[in-house]
Protein backbone atom coordinates (compact mmCIF):
# COMPACT_ATOMS: atom_id res chain seq x y z
CA MET A 1 57.80 27.33 83.89
CA LEU A 2 56.71 29.48 80.97
CA GLU A 3 53.23 28.96 79.61
CA GLN A 4 52.84 28.17 75.93
CA PRO A 5 50.93 30.87 73.94
CA LEU A 6 47.47 29.79 72.88
CA SER A 7 46.45 29.69 69.26
CA ALA A 8 43.76 31.99 67.88
CA ASP A 9 41.36 29.05 67.61
CA ALA A 10 41.94 28.06 71.23
CA VAL A 11 41.41 31.60 72.45
CA HIS A 12 38.40 32.12 70.22
CA PRO A 13 36.38 28.90 69.86
CA VAL A 14 33.70 30.93 68.11
CA HIS A 15 36.23 31.83 65.41
CA ARG A 16 37.04 28.12 64.92
CA ARG A 17 33.35 27.23 64.55
CA ARG A 18 32.86 30.04 62.03
CA LYS A 19 35.82 28.79 59.98
CA LYS A 20 34.43 25.24 60.02
CA ASN A 21 30.97 26.46 59.02
CA TYR A 22 32.51 28.56 56.23
CA PHE A 23 34.17 25.52 54.63
CA LEU A 24 31.02 23.41 55.05
CA LYS A 25 28.94 26.16 53.45
CA HIS A 26 31.30 26.56 50.46
CA TRP A 27 32.39 22.91 50.08
CA ALA A 28 31.10 22.80 46.49
CA ILE A 29 33.39 25.65 45.44
CA TYR A 30 36.44 24.20 47.19
CA SER A 31 35.75 20.75 45.72
CA MET A 32 36.39 22.28 42.27
CA ILE A 33 40.07 22.48 43.26
CA LEU A 34 40.33 18.68 43.54
CA PRO A 35 40.69 17.81 39.79
CA GLY A 36 43.47 20.35 39.35
CA LEU A 37 45.12 19.23 42.58
CA ALA A 38 44.92 15.57 41.49
CA TYR A 39 46.47 16.46 38.12
CA PHE A 40 49.49 18.13 39.70
CA VAL A 41 49.97 15.34 42.26
CA LEU A 42 49.73 12.54 39.68
CA PHE A 43 51.55 14.10 36.74
CA ARG A 44 53.86 16.68 38.31
CA TYR A 45 54.89 15.65 41.82
CA ILE A 46 54.84 11.83 41.79
CA PRO A 47 57.05 11.66 38.63
CA ILE A 48 59.68 13.70 40.48
CA GLY A 49 60.43 10.50 42.42
CA GLY A 50 61.65 8.94 39.16
CA SER A 51 64.58 11.40 39.18
CA ILE A 52 66.33 8.94 41.47
CA ILE A 53 67.44 6.94 38.42
CA ALA A 54 69.93 9.76 37.72
CA PHE A 55 71.94 8.27 40.61
CA GLN A 56 71.57 4.67 39.41
CA ASP A 57 72.61 2.51 36.48
CA TYR A 58 68.95 2.10 35.70
CA ASN A 59 67.97 -1.20 34.17
CA ILE A 60 64.48 -1.44 32.77
CA PHE A 61 64.18 -5.09 33.83
CA ASN A 62 65.39 -4.49 37.40
CA GLY A 63 63.30 -1.39 37.91
CA VAL A 64 63.98 1.54 40.20
CA LEU A 65 64.11 -0.55 43.36
CA HIS A 66 66.73 -3.06 42.20
CA SER A 67 68.98 -0.98 39.93
CA ARG A 68 72.50 -0.33 41.19
CA TYR A 69 73.32 3.07 42.76
CA VAL A 70 76.34 4.82 41.21
CA GLY A 71 76.27 8.19 42.97
CA LEU A 72 77.21 11.16 40.75
CA LYS A 73 78.69 9.06 37.95
CA HIS A 74 76.26 10.32 35.28
CA PHE A 75 76.77 13.97 36.26
CA GLU A 76 80.54 13.45 35.99
CA ASN A 77 80.05 11.90 32.54
CA LEU A 78 77.95 14.91 31.51
CA PHE A 79 80.62 17.43 32.51
CA ALA A 80 83.33 15.29 30.88
CA TYR A 81 81.47 15.13 27.55
CA PRO A 82 83.72 16.85 24.96
CA ASP A 83 80.84 18.59 23.14
CA LEU A 84 79.07 19.82 26.29
CA MET A 85 80.25 23.42 25.87
CA ARG A 86 79.09 23.44 22.23
CA ILE A 87 75.63 22.23 23.28
CA ILE A 88 75.44 24.78 26.11
CA LYS A 89 76.53 27.53 23.72
CA ASN A 90 73.93 26.53 21.11
CA THR A 91 71.18 26.30 23.73
CA LEU A 92 72.00 29.63 25.37
CA LEU A 93 72.44 31.49 22.07
CA LEU A 94 69.16 30.17 20.71
CA SER A 95 67.32 31.04 23.94
CA LEU A 96 68.93 34.48 23.99
CA TYR A 97 67.85 35.20 20.40
CA GLN A 98 64.33 33.99 21.17
CA LEU A 99 64.28 36.22 24.25
CA VAL A 100 65.60 39.32 22.50
CA PHE A 101 63.58 39.03 19.28
CA GLY A 102 60.72 36.67 20.13
CA PHE A 103 59.64 38.01 23.52
CA PRO A 104 58.98 41.68 22.52
CA ALA A 105 57.20 40.67 19.28
CA PRO A 106 53.75 39.88 20.81
CA ILE A 107 53.96 43.00 23.00
CA ILE A 108 54.54 45.23 19.98
CA LEU A 109 51.85 43.43 18.00
CA ALA A 110 49.35 43.77 20.86
CA LEU A 111 50.06 47.51 21.11
CA LEU A 112 49.52 47.91 17.36
CA LEU A 113 46.28 45.90 17.43
CA ASN A 114 45.10 47.97 20.38
CA GLU A 115 45.46 51.13 18.34
CA MET A 116 43.23 49.84 15.52
CA ARG A 117 39.80 51.47 15.55
CA LYS A 118 38.09 49.34 12.85
CA LEU A 119 36.80 46.47 15.01
CA VAL A 120 35.96 44.15 12.10
CA PHE A 121 39.39 44.53 10.54
CA LYS A 122 41.02 44.12 13.95
CA ARG A 123 39.24 40.80 14.63
CA LEU A 124 39.97 39.53 11.13
CA LEU A 125 43.65 40.33 11.55
CA GLN A 126 43.73 38.66 14.97
CA THR A 127 42.20 35.48 13.52
CA VAL A 128 44.75 35.39 10.72
CA LEU A 129 47.59 35.88 13.20
CA TYR A 130 46.31 33.13 15.50
CA LEU A 131 46.13 30.50 12.76
CA PRO A 132 49.86 29.51 12.60
CA HIS A 133 49.71 28.50 16.27
CA PHE A 134 47.40 25.61 15.37
CA LEU A 135 49.78 24.21 12.75
CA SER A 136 52.14 21.45 13.85
CA TRP A 137 55.89 21.94 13.62
CA VAL A 138 55.94 19.32 10.86
CA ILE A 139 53.80 21.57 8.66
CA VAL A 140 55.62 24.76 9.65
CA GLY A 141 58.98 23.09 9.06
CA GLY A 142 57.87 21.89 5.63
CA LEU A 143 56.65 25.39 4.71
CA PHE A 144 59.92 27.03 5.72
CA ILE A 145 62.08 24.40 4.04
CA SER A 146 60.10 24.88 0.82
CA PHE A 147 60.33 28.65 1.17
CA LEU A 148 64.13 28.42 1.57
CA SER A 149 64.70 25.78 -1.09
CA PRO A 150 67.65 26.66 -3.40
CA SER A 151 65.78 25.40 -6.49
CA THR A 152 62.13 26.37 -6.00
CA GLY A 153 62.07 28.49 -2.85
CA LEU A 154 60.53 31.96 -3.06
CA LEU A 155 63.42 33.61 -1.22
CA ASN A 156 66.02 32.22 -3.62
CA GLU A 157 63.84 33.24 -6.57
CA VAL A 158 64.12 36.81 -5.30
CA VAL A 159 67.89 36.37 -4.88
CA LYS A 160 68.18 35.09 -8.47
CA ALA A 161 65.98 37.92 -9.77
CA PHE A 162 68.56 40.40 -8.44
CA GLY A 163 71.40 38.45 -10.05
CA GLY A 164 72.54 36.62 -6.92
CA THR A 165 73.52 32.99 -6.44
CA PRO A 166 71.01 30.67 -4.73
CA VAL A 167 71.84 29.99 -1.10
CA PHE A 168 71.50 26.56 0.54
CA PHE A 169 70.07 27.97 3.75
CA MET A 170 69.34 24.60 5.38
CA GLN A 171 72.88 23.37 4.77
CA GLU A 172 74.65 26.44 6.15
CA PRO A 173 75.19 26.33 9.94
CA ALA A 174 75.38 30.14 10.00
CA TYR A 175 71.68 30.49 9.08
CA ILE A 176 70.08 27.78 11.21
CA ARG A 177 69.62 29.83 14.41
CA SER A 178 68.00 32.69 12.48
CA ILE A 179 65.66 30.23 10.73
CA ILE A 180 64.60 28.69 14.06
CA VAL A 181 63.99 32.08 15.70
CA VAL A 182 62.06 33.53 12.73
CA SER A 183 59.89 30.42 12.35
CA GLY A 184 59.11 30.50 16.07
CA ILE A 185 58.08 34.17 15.92
CA TRP A 186 55.90 33.57 12.85
CA LYS A 187 54.12 30.63 14.47
CA GLU A 188 53.52 32.01 17.97
CA VAL A 189 53.46 35.80 17.77
CA GLY A 190 49.71 36.01 17.21
CA TRP A 191 48.90 33.56 19.97
CA GLY A 192 51.26 35.36 22.33
CA THR A 193 49.26 38.56 22.04
CA ILE A 194 46.23 37.07 23.82
CA LEU A 195 47.48 37.73 27.35
CA TYR A 196 48.64 41.24 26.47
CA LEU A 197 45.35 42.13 24.77
CA ALA A 198 43.50 40.85 27.84
CA ALA A 199 45.69 43.05 30.04
CA LEU A 200 45.08 46.04 27.72
CA ALA A 201 41.32 45.48 27.92
CA GLY A 202 41.52 45.88 31.70
CA ILE A 203 42.98 49.39 31.61
CA ASN A 204 40.57 52.04 32.84
CA PRO A 205 39.45 54.18 29.81
CA GLU A 206 39.18 57.21 32.10
CA LEU A 207 42.98 57.28 32.27
CA TYR A 208 43.17 57.84 28.49
CA GLU A 209 40.39 60.46 28.64
CA ALA A 210 42.22 62.35 31.38
CA ALA A 211 45.46 62.15 29.35
CA GLU A 212 43.70 63.55 26.26
CA VAL A 213 42.37 66.45 28.33
CA ASP A 214 45.94 67.15 29.41
CA GLY A 215 47.02 67.19 25.76
CA ALA A 216 48.86 63.84 25.67
CA GLY A 217 49.11 62.23 22.23
CA ARG A 218 48.82 58.51 21.47
CA LEU A 219 52.55 57.93 21.83
CA ARG A 220 52.65 59.67 25.20
CA GLN A 221 49.58 57.73 26.37
CA THR A 222 51.24 54.47 25.35
CA TRP A 223 54.40 55.35 27.22
CA SER A 224 52.74 56.70 30.37
CA ILE A 225 49.59 54.55 30.68
CA THR A 226 49.66 51.45 28.49
CA LEU A 227 53.19 50.21 29.13
CA PRO A 228 53.06 50.70 32.94
CA SER A 229 49.74 48.83 32.97
CA LEU A 230 51.30 45.97 31.00
CA LEU A 231 54.41 45.83 33.19
CA PRO A 232 53.15 43.15 35.68
CA THR A 233 52.16 40.84 32.79
CA ILE A 234 55.45 41.45 30.99
CA VAL A 235 57.50 40.77 34.12
CA VAL A 236 55.70 37.50 34.95
CA LEU A 237 56.01 36.14 31.41
CA LEU A 238 59.65 37.25 31.18
CA LEU A 239 60.54 35.53 34.45
CA LEU A 240 58.85 32.32 33.32
CA ARG A 241 60.77 32.49 30.05
CA ILE A 242 64.08 32.97 31.91
CA GLY A 243 63.28 30.00 34.17
CA SER A 244 63.04 27.73 31.13
CA ILE A 245 65.99 29.22 29.25
CA LEU A 246 67.55 25.77 28.66
CA ASP A 247 64.28 24.46 27.14
CA THR A 248 64.40 25.53 23.50
CA GLY A 249 61.64 23.27 22.21
CA PHE A 250 62.55 19.86 20.83
CA GLU A 251 60.06 19.69 17.94
CA GLN A 252 61.00 23.02 16.42
CA VAL A 253 64.77 22.47 16.50
CA TYR A 254 64.52 18.83 15.42
CA MET A 255 62.49 19.79 12.34
CA PHE A 256 65.23 22.08 11.02
CA MET A 257 68.25 20.09 12.19
CA ASN A 258 70.25 17.99 9.72
CA PRO A 259 73.79 16.53 9.71
CA LEU A 260 75.14 19.59 7.88
CA ASN A 261 73.99 22.18 10.45
CA THR A 262 74.18 20.08 13.64
CA VAL A 263 77.24 21.97 14.83
CA ASN A 264 75.07 25.07 15.41
CA SER A 265 71.66 23.48 15.95
CA GLU A 266 72.12 20.71 18.49
CA VAL A 267 70.71 21.75 21.86
CA PHE A 268 70.02 19.94 25.12
CA ASP A 269 66.56 18.76 24.01
CA THR A 270 67.80 17.12 20.81
CA TYR A 271 70.86 15.69 22.60
CA ILE A 272 68.58 14.11 25.23
CA TYR A 273 66.46 12.58 22.47
CA ARG A 274 69.48 11.23 20.62
CA VAL A 275 71.25 9.83 23.67
CA GLY A 276 68.34 9.02 25.95
CA LEU A 277 65.68 7.56 23.69
CA LEU A 278 67.72 6.33 20.75
CA GLY A 279 70.69 5.28 22.91
CA ALA A 280 68.56 4.02 25.84
CA GLN A 281 70.73 5.87 28.42
CA TYR A 282 67.86 6.81 30.72
CA SER A 283 69.96 7.53 33.82
CA TYR A 284 72.35 9.80 31.91
CA THR A 285 69.58 11.84 30.30
CA THR A 286 67.75 12.12 33.63
CA ALA A 287 70.94 13.63 35.05
CA ILE A 288 70.90 16.15 32.18
CA GLY A 289 67.27 16.96 32.97
CA ILE A 290 68.14 17.60 36.63
CA PHE A 291 71.04 19.81 35.55
CA LYS A 292 68.68 21.86 33.34
CA SER A 293 66.13 22.18 36.14
CA VAL A 294 68.72 23.35 38.68
CA VAL A 295 70.11 25.97 36.27
CA GLY A 296 66.58 27.16 35.41
CA PHE A 297 65.65 27.39 39.10
CA ILE A 298 68.76 29.44 39.95
CA LEU A 299 68.15 31.81 37.02
CA LEU A 300 64.48 32.19 37.95
CA MET A 301 65.29 33.02 41.58
CA GLY A 302 67.97 35.50 40.56
CA ALA A 303 65.80 37.20 37.95
CA ASN A 304 62.89 37.35 40.38
CA GLN A 305 64.98 39.11 43.03
CA LEU A 306 66.42 41.49 40.43
CA SER A 307 62.96 42.31 39.10
CA ARG A 308 61.60 42.93 42.59
CA ARG A 309 64.33 45.43 43.33
CA ALA A 310 64.25 47.13 39.92
CA THR A 311 60.51 47.30 39.16
CA GLY A 312 58.75 46.17 42.33
CA GLU A 313 57.12 43.32 40.34
CA SER A 314 57.83 39.62 40.95
CA ILE A 315 56.11 36.26 40.73
CA TYR A 316 56.05 35.75 44.53
């Protein structure tokens, strides 16, 4: 009969006592984890159990325990929905535009701010750039709609000054995706620079001094020192963005959406609001939420593996 291998604690009782004493000695530090742990358990993990209503005909009066199970009925209804491909196309196109134009914007802005030598002017500019982040989408939406107004909007005033015809931007489906992407960049680009500026502050200044001794200019230093130092931060944020590619932001899209541009502006988030909350189809919209989560998880895993092989950086 083969003997079972002994654990490290069984072989070394002294090691076990040291580990116990270590936790007793630092209990105050470890207890600081508890509020965060409680938050995730209460608001992140326990609500996952509610996903079961995606497989039921959920009735608010019967509750989760007494509602009838219907299997994959709601997923079949989702894939049979005639406008599903239009919603997927709108969601993916909007996410792709935000990824291509919105993701590099804070990186470029952080690099430009990092090159500024006048500290007072730099901080003033940072403060001005942060301000739009604190405005609600209601205010931002109102500003953009006024700016694009065909009668009093500044942009159409410029168009008329050059002899052009005023354009009804908010009524033209062809412009709605550009308006959403540009408004998102304007609102969040300053706030998005915070992480990159923090990463830039952690770069060893001796690297730049050594590069200057070797005759490297600012552009060469940016390419050879700054960007490689930012790469881990860029990769992590990019992977997180890819993982939530089907989440385009309900408030932003809903503010600019109207019956005339719905064909190009309706995305999963607005469809869930319209069908789930206004139509009270909770099981159906929960099935859509699960579909979005599964797609996001698959994309995240794939992008993580690709990033690990291509750059050596990944989120796990």
